[in-house]
Amino acid sequence: MAGSSPISLTAALIKMASMLLTVLCPAAVLLAEHPIDVERSAAQAEYFRAMATFDKLPARKASKSSRLAAAKSAWALGLTERASKEFDQLLREPGLTLKEQGQALVARAIIEFQEDRYQVASLFAERAVKAIEAGAIRAQAYGVWGAALSRMNSWGAAEEKLRTALEEAALSDKARYHFELGNCQLRLNKLAQARSNFESIPIDDDYAPAAVRGLAQIALQSSNYSDLRFWLERGRSDFPQHFIDSWVYYALAQAAIAEKDGTKLIELSQEAANRYPPSDPWITLMQGGIEAHFWENPPGRIPKVEEGRKP
């Protein structure tokens, strides 16, 4: 399948697997023609079976809860167009409970966000916020709304939405909102508030590497070089795969320049020379700063990055 994108290839494989399920288990599909079977299969993470069962249901037998289960199953399988179709159909049905309406609207907002359609995601999230009461589901709506606004560089509006999301969020969601809120506040130069949010993220959370980087950025912007060195070294030791880019070397060099640590600067220069091309913008800035430091602090210049770089 030369030229196929990973997404189209995955969708094709999912479709093939779904067809195989119907062929290999025809009796199960034919017998399970009740809406509750769709919900049961989805609850057991048997998403192919849930969708196959739903598609076998006569239209008059498809309940709102079975359609919601089918939509969630399609979403879990990466079939976002099918999931969007089912969620949209669900939203057109009369008699939805607030919980059902909220779940469908939040799901649509998240799908649009995942597809990088941030304006549309914001619209769905706004509808969800207006439709449902305060609580964990509404927190998800505020969260995706704030995240979408931040991706559109509307940092002030995003901060407002994310504050509300954090107030109403379930404990399992709080780290994500702390990170998104901290990132907005970093962009708004509200460094103390950003620091507080980043520091609220547990060190074993998935957002911890990005939070440590955020704390390093705050230290750099604040010219707090001891904290900068601390957070960068913490990141390199605890999350090495997240701290191997050229910005890390630039930031470490800024700390070493401030501390007049010439030995560290030479070490960083040589390490960077072996890792990155001299055209890398962060390496260019780093090398310029190092050379300026050694001109002002004899014994003189050190070798340029391109001179020491290995093939």
C-alpha atoms as a PDB file:
ATOM      1  CA  MET A   1       0.000   0.000   0.000  1.00  0.00           C
ATOM      2  CA  ALA A   2       2.603   2.492  -1.098  1.00  0.00           C
ATOM      3  CA  GLY A   3       1.507   6.054  -0.500  1.00  0.00           C
ATOM      4  CA  SER A   4      -1.233   5.162   2.025  1.00  0.00           C
ATOM      5  CA  SER A   5      -1.331   7.333   5.119  1.00  0.00           C
ATOM      6  CA  PRO A   6      -1.206   5.656   8.549  1.00  0.00           C
ATOM      7  CA  ILE A   7      -4.762   6.875   9.225  1.00  0.00           C
ATOM      8  CA  SER A   8      -6.268   5.471   6.012  1.00  0.00           C
ATOM      9  CA  LEU A   9      -4.399   2.202   6.485  1.00  0.00           C
ATOM     10  CA  THR A  10      -5.675   1.889  10.044  1.00  0.00           C
ATOM     11  CA  ALA A  11      -9.230   2.634   8.950  1.00  0.00           C
ATOM     12  CA  ALA A  12      -8.995  -0.039   6.245  1.00  0.00           C
ATOM     13  CA  LEU A  13      -7.714  -2.622   8.713  1.00  0.00           C
ATOM     14  CA  ILE A  14     -10.488  -1.747  11.161  1.00  0.00           C
ATOM     15  CA  LYS A  15     -13.102  -2.168   8.433  1.00  0.00           C
ATOM     16  CA  MET A  16     -11.651  -5.532   7.412  1.00  0.00           C
ATOM     17  CA  ALA A  17     -11.650  -6.725  11.017  1.00  0.00           C
ATOM     18  CA  SER A  18     -15.264  -5.640  11.452  1.00  0.00           C
ATOM     19  CA  MET A  19     -16.283  -7.564   8.335  1.00  0.00           C
ATOM     20  CA  LEU A  20     -14.429 -10.650   9.572  1.00  0.00           C
ATOM     21  CA  LEU A  21     -16.295 -10.470  12.860  1.00  0.00           C
ATOM     22  CA  THR A  22     -19.622 -10.543  11.030  1.00  0.00           C
ATOM     23  CA  VAL A  23     -18.537 -13.443   8.807  1.00  0.00           C
ATOM     24  CA  LEU A  24     -16.937 -15.545  11.540  1.00  0.00           C
ATOM     25  CA  CYS A  25     -19.631 -14.963  14.163  1.00  0.00           C
ATOM     26  CA  PRO A  26     -22.897 -14.660  12.189  1.00  0.00           C
ATOM     27  CA  ALA A  27     -24.979 -16.450  14.797  1.00  0.00           C
ATOM     28  CA  ALA A  28     -23.836 -14.131  17.559  1.00  0.00           C
ATOM     29  CA  VAL A  29     -24.582 -11.062  15.467  1.00  0.00           C
ATOM     30  CA  LEU A  30     -28.022 -12.285  14.413  1.00  0.00           C
ATOM     31  CA  LEU A  31     -29.042 -13.349  17.906  1.00  0.00           C
ATOM     32  CA  ALA A  32     -27.836 -10.165  19.565  1.00  0.00           C
ATOM     33  CA  GLU A  33     -30.438  -7.895  18.011  1.00  0.00           C
ATOM     34  CA  HIS A  34     -31.356  -5.980  21.124  1.00  0.00           C
ATOM     35  CA  PRO A  35     -30.120  -2.495  22.050  1.00  0.00           C
ATOM     36  CA  ILE A  36     -28.816  -3.723  25.390  1.00  0.00           C
ATOM     37  CA  ASP A  37     -26.372  -6.003  23.574  1.00  0.00           C
ATOM     38  CA  VAL A  38     -24.783  -2.970  21.917  1.00  0.00           C
ATOM     39  CA  GLU A  39     -24.279  -1.357  25.312  1.00  0.00           C
ATOM     40  CA  ARG A  40     -22.978  -4.583  26.838  1.00  0.00           C
ATOM     41  CA  SER A  41     -20.421  -5.126  24.067  1.00  0.00           C
ATOM     42  CA  ALA A  42     -19.230  -1.524  24.279  1.00  0.00           C
ATOM     43  CA  ALA A  43     -18.915  -1.760  28.067  1.00  0.00           C
ATOM     44  CA  GLN A  44     -16.745  -4.871  27.616  1.00  0.00           C
ATOM     45  CA  ALA A  45     -14.545  -3.027  25.077  1.00  0.00           C
ATOM     46  CA  GLU A  46     -15.797  -5.318  22.272  1.00  0.00           C
ATOM     47  CA  TYR A  47     -16.154  -2.357  19.956  1.00  0.00           C
ATOM     48  CA  PHE A  48     -16.319  -4.242  16.658  1.00  0.00           C
ATOM     49  CA  ARG A  49     -19.107  -6.416  18.018  1.00  0.00           C
ATOM     50  CA  ALA A  50     -20.958  -3.386  19.399  1.00  0.00           C
ATOM     51  CA  MET A  51     -20.943  -1.663  16.014  1.00  0.00           C
ATOM     52  CA  ALA A  52     -21.859  -4.818  14.097  1.00  0.00           C
ATOM     53  CA  THR A  53     -24.759  -5.418  16.471  1.00  0.00           C
ATOM     54  CA  PHE A  54     -25.956  -1.836  16.211  1.00  0.00           C
ATOM     55  CA  ASP A  55     -25.845  -1.956  12.417  1.00  0.00           C
ATOM     56  CA  LYS A  56     -28.028  -5.094  12.478  1.00  0.00           C
ATOM     57  CA  LEU A  57     -30.700  -3.424  14.592  1.00  0.00           C
ATOM     58  CA  PRO A  58     -33.858  -2.270  12.805  1.00  0.00           C
ATOM     59  CA  ALA A  59     -34.092   1.522  12.941  1.00  0.00           C
ATOM     60  CA  ARG A  60     -37.159   1.358  15.200  1.00  0.00           C
ATOM     61  CA  LYS A  61     -35.230  -0.704  17.780  1.00  0.00           C
ATOM     62  CA  ALA A  62     -32.176   1.561  18.022  1.00  0.00           C
ATOM     63  CA  SER A  63     -32.391   3.277  21.398  1.00  0.00           C
ATOM     64  CA  LYS A  64     -30.616   6.448  22.417  1.00  0.00           C
ATOM     65  CA  SER A  65     -28.325   4.561  24.766  1.00  0.00           C
ATOM     66  CA  SER A  66     -27.436   1.994  22.085  1.00  0.00           C
ATOM     67  CA  ARG A  67     -26.629   4.776  19.619  1.00  0.00           C
ATOM     68  CA  LEU A  68     -24.444   6.439  22.240  1.00  0.00           C
ATOM     69  CA  ALA A  69     -22.656   3.110  22.784  1.00  0.00           C
ATOM     70  CA  ALA A  70     -22.172   2.702  19.023  1.00  0.00           C
ATOM     71  CA  ALA A  71     -20.812   6.245  18.736  1.00  0.00           C
ATOM     72  CA  LYS A  72     -18.347   5.647  21.569  1.00  0.00           C
ATOM     73  CA  SER A  73     -17.301   2.337  19.984  1.00  0.00           C
ATOM     74  CA  ALA A  74     -16.628   3.989  16.628  1.00  0.00           C
ATOM     75  CA  TRP A  75     -14.626   6.668  18.411  1.00  0.00           C
ATOM     76  CA  ALA A  76     -12.597   4.073  20.308  1.00  0.00           C
ATOM     77  CA  LEU A  77     -11.750   2.405  16.985  1.00  0.00           C
ATOM     78  CA  GLY A  78     -10.571   5.678  15.464  1.00  0.00           C
ATOM     79  CA  LEU A  79     -13.574   5.973  13.120  1.00  0.00           C
ATOM     80  CA  THR A  80     -14.135   9.645  13.873  1.00  0.00           C
ATOM     81  CA  GLU A  81     -16.450  10.337  10.930  1.00  0.00           C
ATOM     82  CA  ARG A  82     -18.747   7.482  11.921  1.00  0.00           C
ATOM     83  CA  ALA A  83     -18.586   8.546  15.561  1.00  0.00           C
ATOM     84  CA  SER A  84     -19.465  12.140  14.643  1.00  0.00           C
ATOM     85  CA  LYS A  85     -22.387  10.924  12.537  1.00  0.00           C
ATOM     86  CA  GLU A  86     -23.833   8.894  15.408  1.00  0.00           C
ATOM     87  CA  PHE A  87     -23.306  11.658  17.976  1.00  0.00           C
ATOM     88  CA  ASP A  88     -24.975  14.185  15.650  1.00  0.00           C
ATOM     89  CA  GLN A  89     -27.928  11.834  15.103  1.00  0.00           C
ATOM     90  CA  LEU A  90     -28.201  11.364  18.842  1.00  0.00           C
ATOM     91  CA  LEU A  91     -28.321  15.128  19.391  1.00  0.00           C
ATOM     92  CA  ARG A  92     -31.269  15.374  16.988  1.00  0.00           C
ATOM     93  CA  GLU A  93     -33.343  12.860  18.928  1.00  0.00           C
ATOM     94  CA  PRO A  94     -36.009  14.171  21.324  1.00  0.00           C
ATOM     95  CA  GLY A  95     -36.039  13.425  25.003  1.00  0.00           C
ATOM     96  CA  LEU A  96     -32.306  13.337  25.658  1.00  0.00           C
ATOM     97  CA  THR A  97     -31.343  13.573  29.302  1.00  0.00           C
ATOM     98  CA  LEU A  98     -28.903  16.296  30.289  1.00  0.00           C
ATOM     99  CA  LYS A  99     -26.256  13.637  30.852  1.00  0.00           C
ATOM    100  CA  GLU A 100     -26.762  12.126  27.378  1.00  0.00           C
ATOM    101  CA  GLN A 101     -26.773  15.535  25.713  1.00  0.00           C
ATOM    102  CA  GLY A 102     -23.697  16.610  27.631  1.00  0.00           C
ATOM    103  CA  GLN A 103     -21.779  13.435  26.787  1.00  0.00           C
ATOM    104  CA  ALA A 104     -22.597  13.774  23.092  1.00  0.00           C
ATOM    105  CA  LEU A 105     -21.654  17.459  22.903  1.00  0.00           C
ATOM    106  CA  VAL A 106     -18.409  16.985  24.818  1.00  0.00           C
ATOM    107  CA  ALA A 107     -17.513  14.015  22.632  1.00  0.00           C
ATOM    108  CA  ARG A 108     -18.126  16.068  19.488  1.00  0.00           C
ATOM    109  CA  ALA A 109     -15.980  18.876  20.888  1.00  0.00           C
ATOM    110  CA  ILE A 110     -13.124  16.480  21.652  1.00  0.00           C
ATOM    111  CA  ILE A 111     -13.334  14.861  18.206  1.00  0.00           C
ATOM    112  CA  GLU A 112     -13.117  18.256  16.506  1.00  0.00           C
ATOM    113  CA  PHE A 113     -10.209  19.188  18.775  1.00  0.00           C
ATOM    114  CA  GLN A 114      -8.375  15.979  17.882  1.00  0.00           C
ATOM    115  CA  GLU A 115      -8.888  16.791  14.204  1.00  0.00           C
ATOM    116  CA  ASP A 116      -7.343  20.265  14.771  1.00  0.00           C
ATOM    117  CA  ARG A 117     -10.635  22.034  14.052  1.00  0.00           C
ATOM    118  CA  TYR A 118     -10.398  24.260  17.081  1.00  0.00           C
ATOM    119  CA  GLN A 119     -13.081  26.786  16.156  1.00  0.00           C
ATOM    120  CA  VAL A 120     -15.673  24.037  15.685  1.00  0.00           C
ATOM    121  CA  ALA A 121     -14.496  22.361  18.889  1.00  0.00           C
ATOM    122  CA  SER A 122     -15.086  25.630  20.747  1.00  0.00           C
ATOM    123  CA  LEU A 123     -18.647  25.848  19.420  1.00  0.00           C
ATOM    124  CA  PHE A 124     -19.548  22.340  20.558  1.00  0.00           C
ATOM    125  CA  ALA A 125     -17.907  22.919  23.942  1.00  0.00           C
ATOM    126  CA  GLU A 126     -19.838  26.162  24.418  1.00  0.00           C
ATOM    127  CA  ARG A 127     -23.105  24.339  23.677  1.00  0.00           C
ATOM    128  CA  ALA A 128     -22.176  21.673  26.205  1.00  0.00           C
ATOM    129  CA  VAL A 129     -21.422  24.240  28.906  1.00  0.00           C
ATOM    130  CA  LYS A 130     -24.825  25.858  28.378  1.00  0.00           C
ATOM    131  CA  ALA A 131     -26.682  22.547  28.373  1.00  0.00           C
ATOM    132  CA  ILE A 132     -25.388  20.811  31.483  1.00  0.00           C
ATOM    133  CA  GLU A 133     -24.992  21.522  35.171  1.00  0.00           C
ATOM    134  CA  ALA A 134     -21.742  21.986  37.051  1.00  0.00           C
ATOM    135  CA  GLY A 135     -19.757  18.817  37.512  1.00  0.00           C
ATOM    136  CA  ALA A 136     -17.191  16.539  35.918  1.00  0.00           C
ATOM    137  CA  ILE A 137     -18.854  16.441  32.486  1.00  0.00           C
ATOM    138  CA  ARG A 138     -19.148  20.215  32.314  1.00  0.00           C
ATOM    139  CA  ALA A 139     -15.508  20.426  33.447  1.00  0.00           C
ATOM    140  CA  GLN A 140     -14.561  18.373  30.386  1.00  0.00           C
ATOM    141  CA  ALA A 141     -16.489  20.816  28.210  1.00  0.00           C
ATOM    142  CA  TYR A 142     -14.714  23.796  29.761  1.00  0.00           C
ATOM    143  CA  GLY A 143     -11.413  21.948  29.457  1.00  0.00           C
ATOM    144  CA  VAL A 144     -11.654  21.255  25.741  1.00  0.00           C
ATOM    145  CA  TRP A 145     -13.009  24.788  25.184  1.00  0.00           C
ATOM    146  CA  GLY A 146     -10.023  26.287  26.974  1.00  0.00           C
ATOM    147  CA  ALA A 147      -7.560  24.006  25.183  1.00  0.00           C
ATOM    148  CA  ALA A 148      -9.076  24.913  21.810  1.00  0.00           C
ATOM    149  CA  LEU A 149      -8.861  28.635  22.590  1.00  0.00           C
ATOM    150  CA  SER A 150      -5.225  28.269  23.623  1.00  0.00           C
ATOM    151  CA  ARG A 151      -4.427  26.567  20.301  1.00  0.00           C
ATOM    152  CA  MET A 152      -5.896  29.650  18.616  1.00  0.00           C
ATOM    153  CA  ASN A 153      -3.643  31.866  20.792  1.00  0.00           C
ATOM    154  CA  SER A 154      -6.596  33.290  22.731  1.00  0.00           C
ATOM    155  CA  TRP A 155      -4.693  32.927  25.972  1.00  0.00           C
ATOM    156  CA  GLY A 156      -6.803  35.177  28.182  1.00  0.00           C
ATOM    157  CA  ALA A 157     -10.107  33.559  27.218  1.00  0.00           C
ATOM    158  CA  ALA A 158      -8.515  30.126  27.499  1.00  0.00           C
ATOM    159  CA  GLU A 159      -7.295  30.865  31.022  1.00  0.00           C
ATOM    160  CA  GLU A 160     -10.811  31.752  32.148  1.00  0.00           C
ATOM    161  CA  LYS A 161     -12.302  28.510  30.786  1.00  0.00           C
ATOM    162  CA  LEU A 162      -9.509  26.359  32.187  1.00  0.00           C
ATOM    163  CA  ARG A 163      -9.883  27.854  35.661  1.00  0.00           C
ATOM    164  CA  THR A 164     -13.509  26.723  35.689  1.00  0.00           C
ATOM    165  CA  ALA A 165     -12.546  23.309  34.329  1.00  0.00           C
ATOM    166  CA  LEU A 166     -10.056  22.865  37.159  1.00  0.00           C
ATOM    167  CA  GLU A 167     -12.618  23.869  39.791  1.00  0.00           C
ATOM    168  CA  GLU A 168     -15.193  21.316  38.616  1.00  0.00           C
ATOM    169  CA  ALA A 169     -12.911  18.531  37.374  1.00  0.00           C
ATOM    170  CA  ALA A 170     -12.733  14.986  38.632  1.00  0.00           C
ATOM    171  CA  LEU A 171      -9.458  14.196  40.383  1.00  0.00           C
ATOM    172  CA  SER A 172      -8.264  12.089  37.433  1.00  0.00           C
ATOM    173  CA  ASP A 173      -8.555  15.092  35.084  1.00  0.00           C
ATOM    174  CA  LYS A 174      -6.941  17.750  37.253  1.00  0.00           C
ATOM    175  CA  ALA A 175      -3.347  17.235  36.073  1.00  0.00           C
ATOM    176  CA  ARG A 176      -4.350  17.919  32.467  1.00  0.00           C
ATOM    177  CA  TYR A 177      -6.078  21.165  33.397  1.00  0.00           C
ATOM    178  CA  HIS A 178      -3.219  22.239  35.653  1.00  0.00           C
ATOM    179  CA  PHE A 179      -0.892  21.816  32.685  1.00  0.00           C
ATOM    180  CA  GLU A 180      -3.118  23.602  30.159  1.00  0.00           C
ATOM    181  CA  LEU A 181      -3.742  26.442  32.610  1.00  0.00           C
ATOM    182  CA  GLY A 182      -0.056  26.736  33.470  1.00  0.00           C
ATOM    183  CA  ASN A 183       0.823  26.883  29.793  1.00  0.00           C
ATOM    184  CA  CYS A 184      -1.669  29.713  29.224  1.00  0.00           C
ATOM    185  CA  GLN A 185      -0.336  31.651  32.192  1.00  0.00           C
ATOM    186  CA  LEU A 186       3.221  31.173  30.969  1.00  0.00           C
ATOM    187  CA  ARG A 187       2.194  32.782  27.671  1.00  0.00           C
ATOM    188  CA  LEU A 188       0.481  35.585  29.594  1.00  0.00           C
ATOM    189  CA  ASN A 189       3.661  36.123  31.675  1.00  0.00           C
ATOM    190  CA  LYS A 190       1.807  35.201  34.869  1.00  0.00           C
ATOM    191  CA  LEU A 191       4.843  33.273  35.985  1.00  0.00           C
ATOM    192  CA  ALA A 192       4.002  32.740  39.665  1.00  0.00           C
ATOM    193  CA  GLN A 193       0.582  31.321  38.808  1.00  0.00           C
ATOM    194  CA  ALA A 194       2.016  29.180  36.024  1.00  0.00           C
ATOM    195  CA  ARG A 195       4.639  27.808  38.425  1.00  0.00           C
ATOM    196  CA  SER A 196       1.947  26.895  40.946  1.00  0.00           C
ATOM    197  CA  ASN A 197      -0.009  24.954  38.331  1.00  0.00           C
ATOM    198  CA  PHE A 198       3.001  23.094  36.971  1.00  0.00           C
ATOM    199  CA  GLU A 199       4.129  22.190  40.496  1.00  0.00           C
ATOM    200  CA  SER A 200       0.651  20.775  41.213  1.00  0.00           C
ATOM    201  CA  ILE A 201       1.177  17.970  38.681  1.00  0.00           C
ATOM    202  CA  PRO A 202       2.328  14.676  40.292  1.00  0.00           C
ATOM    203  CA  ILE A 203       5.782  13.551  39.207  1.00  0.00           C
ATOM    204  CA  ASP A 204       4.407  10.200  37.992  1.00  0.00           C
ATOM    205  CA  ASP A 205       1.711  11.770  35.803  1.00  0.00           C
ATOM    206  CA  ASP A 206       1.877  11.704  32.000  1.00  0.00           C
ATOM    207  CA  TYR A 207       2.044  15.511  32.028  1.00  0.00           C
ATOM    208  CA  ALA A 208       5.032  15.597  34.398  1.00  0.00           C
ATOM    209  CA  PRO A 209       7.760  15.864  31.690  1.00  0.00           C
ATOM    210  CA  ALA A 210       6.029  18.839  30.074  1.00  0.00           C
ATOM    211  CA  ALA A 211       5.430  20.402  33.498  1.00  0.00           C
ATOM    212  CA  VAL A 212       9.137  20.135  34.376  1.00  0.00           C
ATOM    213  CA  ARG A 213       9.980  21.791  31.062  1.00  0.00           C
ATOM    214  CA  GLY A 214       7.468  24.518  31.868  1.00  0.00           C
ATOM    215  CA  LEU A 215       9.174  25.123  35.209  1.00  0.00           C
ATOM    216  CA  ALA A 216      12.513  25.383  33.419  1.00  0.00           C
ATOM    217  CA  GLN A 217      11.032  27.927  30.994  1.00  0.00           C
ATOM    218  CA  ILE A 218       9.729  29.976  33.905  1.00  0.00           C
ATOM    219  CA  ALA A 219      13.155  29.920  35.551  1.00  0.00           C
ATOM    220  CA  LEU A 220      14.800  31.056  32.307  1.00  0.00           C
ATOM    221  CA  GLN A 221      12.311  33.891  31.813  1.00  0.00           C
ATOM    222  CA  SER A 222      12.840  34.910  35.447  1.00  0.00           C
ATOM    223  CA  SER A 223      16.654  34.742  35.139  1.00  0.00           C
ATOM    224  CA  ASN A 224      16.583  32.312  38.061  1.00  0.00           C
ATOM    225  CA  TYR A 225      19.528  30.253  36.878  1.00  0.00           C
ATOM    226  CA  SER A 226      19.895  27.977  39.885  1.00  0.00           C
ATOM    227  CA  ASP A 227      16.269  26.863  39.440  1.00  0.00           C
ATOM    228  CA  LEU A 228      16.837  26.580  35.698  1.00  0.00           C
ATOM    229  CA  ARG A 229      19.764  24.221  36.174  1.00  0.00           C
ATOM    230  CA  PHE A 230      17.802  22.237  38.787  1.00  0.00           C
ATOM    231  CA  TRP A 231      14.746  21.655  36.582  1.00  0.00           C
ATOM    232  CA  LEU A 232      16.752  20.845  33.476  1.00  0.00           C
ATOM    233  CA  GLU A 233      18.912  18.345  35.327  1.00  0.00           C
ATOM    234  CA  ARG A 234      15.782  16.878  36.918  1.00  0.00           C
ATOM    235  CA  GLY A 235      14.204  16.524  33.495  1.00  0.00           C
ATOM    236  CA  ARG A 236      17.296  14.925  31.985  1.00  0.00           C
ATOM    237  CA  SER A 237      17.552  12.403  34.809  1.00  0.00           C
ATOM    238  CA  ASP A 238      13.850  11.543  35.252  1.00  0.00           C
ATOM    239  CA  PHE A 239      12.580  11.969  31.680  1.00  0.00           C
ATOM    240  CA  PRO A 240      15.642  11.651  29.416  1.00  0.00           C
ATOM    241  CA  GLN A 241      13.660  11.105  26.215  1.00  0.00           C
ATOM    242  CA  HIS A 242      11.852  14.416  26.734  1.00  0.00           C
ATOM    243  CA  PHE A 243      14.999  16.477  27.325  1.00  0.00           C
ATOM    244  CA  ILE A 244      17.269  15.712  24.383  1.00  0.00           C
ATOM    245  CA  ASP A 245      16.414  18.666  22.146  1.00  0.00           C
ATOM    246  CA  SER A 246      18.687  21.610  21.397  1.00  0.00           C
ATOM    247  CA  TRP A 247      16.693  24.068  23.548  1.00  0.00           C
ATOM    248  CA  VAL A 248      17.848  22.158  26.629  1.00  0.00           C
ATOM    249  CA  TYR A 249      21.498  22.789  25.699  1.00  0.00           C
ATOM    250  CA  TYR A 250      20.783  26.458  25.037  1.00  0.00           C
ATOM    251  CA  ALA A 251      19.090  26.834  28.421  1.00  0.00           C
ATOM    252  CA  LEU A 252      21.863  24.973  30.263  1.00  0.00           C
ATOM    253  CA  ALA A 253      24.399  27.246  28.579  1.00  0.00           C
ATOM    254  CA  GLN A 254      22.487  30.315  29.774  1.00  0.00           C
ATOM    255  CA  ALA A 255      22.730  29.010  33.337  1.00  0.00           C
ATOM    256  CA  ALA A 256      26.455  28.293  32.963  1.00  0.00           C
ATOM    257  CA  ILE A 257      27.094  31.764  31.497  1.00  0.00           C
ATOM    258  CA  ALA A 258      25.284  33.393  34.415  1.00  0.00           C
ATOM    259  CA  GLU A 259      27.330  31.321  36.849  1.00  0.00           C
ATOM    260  CA  LYS A 260      30.567  31.968  34.875  1.00  0.00           C
ATOM    261  CA  ASP A 261      31.169  28.228  34.662  1.00  0.00           C
ATOM    262  CA  GLY A 262      33.608  28.045  31.746  1.00  0.00           C
ATOM    263  CA  THR A 263      34.277  24.337  32.198  1.00  0.00           C
ATOM    264  CA  LYS A 264      30.568  23.562  31.896  1.00  0.00           C
ATOM    265  CA  LEU A 265      30.292  25.766  28.805  1.00  0.00           C
ATOM    266  CA  ILE A 266      33.083  23.882  27.033  1.00  0.00           C
ATOM    267  CA  GLU A 267      31.453  20.580  27.973  1.00  0.00           C
ATOM    268  CA  LEU A 268      28.040  21.713  26.684  1.00  0.00           C
ATOM    269  CA  SER A 269      29.549  23.072  23.480  1.00  0.00           C
ATOM    270  CA  GLN A 270      31.271  19.776  22.684  1.00  0.00           C
ATOM    271  CA  GLU A 271      28.202  17.683  23.541  1.00  0.00           C
ATOM    272  CA  ALA A 272      25.983  19.869  21.377  1.00  0.00           C
ATOM    273  CA  ALA A 273      28.499  19.706  18.534  1.00  0.00           C
ATOM    274  CA  ASN A 274      28.178  15.934  18.497  1.00  0.00           C
ATOM    275  CA  ARG A 275      24.378  15.965  18.568  1.00  0.00           C
ATOM    276  CA  TYR A 276      23.094  18.810  16.403  1.00  0.00           C
ATOM    277  CA  PRO A 277      23.958  20.575  13.145  1.00  0.00           C
ATOM    278  CA  PRO A 278      25.510  24.037  13.529  1.00  0.00           C
ATOM    279  CA  SER A 279      22.536  25.457  11.612  1.00  0.00           C
ATOM    280  CA  ASP A 280      20.162  24.550  14.448  1.00  0.00           C
ATOM    281  CA  PRO A 281      18.798  27.920  15.675  1.00  0.00           C
ATOM    282  CA  TRP A 282      19.130  27.096  19.384  1.00  0.00           C
ATOM    283  CA  ILE A 283      22.704  25.902  18.852  1.00  0.00           C
ATOM    284  CA  THR A 284      23.496  29.078  16.924  1.00  0.00           C
ATOM    285  CA  LEU A 285      22.206  31.171  19.833  1.00  0.00           C
ATOM    286  CA  MET A 286      24.001  28.996  22.363  1.00  0.00           C
ATOM    287  CA  GLN A 287      27.313  29.189  20.539  1.00  0.00           C
ATOM    288  CA  GLY A 288      27.039  32.956  20.140  1.00  0.00           C
ATOM    289  CA  GLY A 289      26.463  33.352  23.860  1.00  0.00           C
ATOM    290  CA  ILE A 290      29.381  31.066  24.723  1.00  0.00           C
ATOM    291  CA  GLU A 291      31.768  32.903  22.412  1.00  0.00           C
ATOM    292  CA  ALA A 292      30.698  36.256  23.859  1.00  0.00           C
ATOM    293  CA  HIS A 293      31.297  34.916  27.353  1.00  0.00           C
ATOM    294  CA  PHE A 294      34.838  33.797  26.545  1.00  0.00           C
ATOM    295  CA  TRP A 295      35.692  37.082  24.816  1.00  0.00           C
ATOM    296  CA  GLU A 296      34.681  38.904  27.975  1.00  0.00           C
ATOM    297  CA  ASN A 297      36.245  36.311  30.265  1.00  0.00           C
ATOM    298  CA  PRO A 298      39.723  35.246  29.026  1.00  0.00           C
ATOM    299  CA  PRO A 299      41.498  32.959  28.111  1.00  0.00           C
ATOM    300  CA  GLY A 300      39.593  33.571  24.888  1.00  0.00           C
ATOM    301  CA  ARG A 301      37.421  31.812  22.391  1.00  0.00           C
ATOM    302  CA  ILE A 302      36.544  28.139  22.354  1.00  0.00           C
ATOM    303  CA  PRO A 303      36.105  26.029  19.212  1.00  0.00           C
ATOM    304  CA  LYS A 304      32.950  26.713  17.243  1.00  0.00           C
ATOM    305  CA  VAL A 305      30.267  24.037  17.122  1.00  0.00           C
ATOM    306  CA  GLU A 306      30.845  23.246  13.447  1.00  0.00           C
ATOM    307  CA  GLU A 307      34.535  22.666  14.066  1.00  0.00           C
ATOM    308  CA  GLY A 308      33.949  19.981  16.637  1.00  0.00           C
ATOM    309  CA  ARG A 309      30.891  18.285  15.155  1.00  0.00           C
ATOM    310  CA  LYS A 310      31.300  14.617  14.338  1.00  0.00           C
ATOM    311  CA  PRO A 311      29.925  13.132  11.095  1.00  0.00           C
END
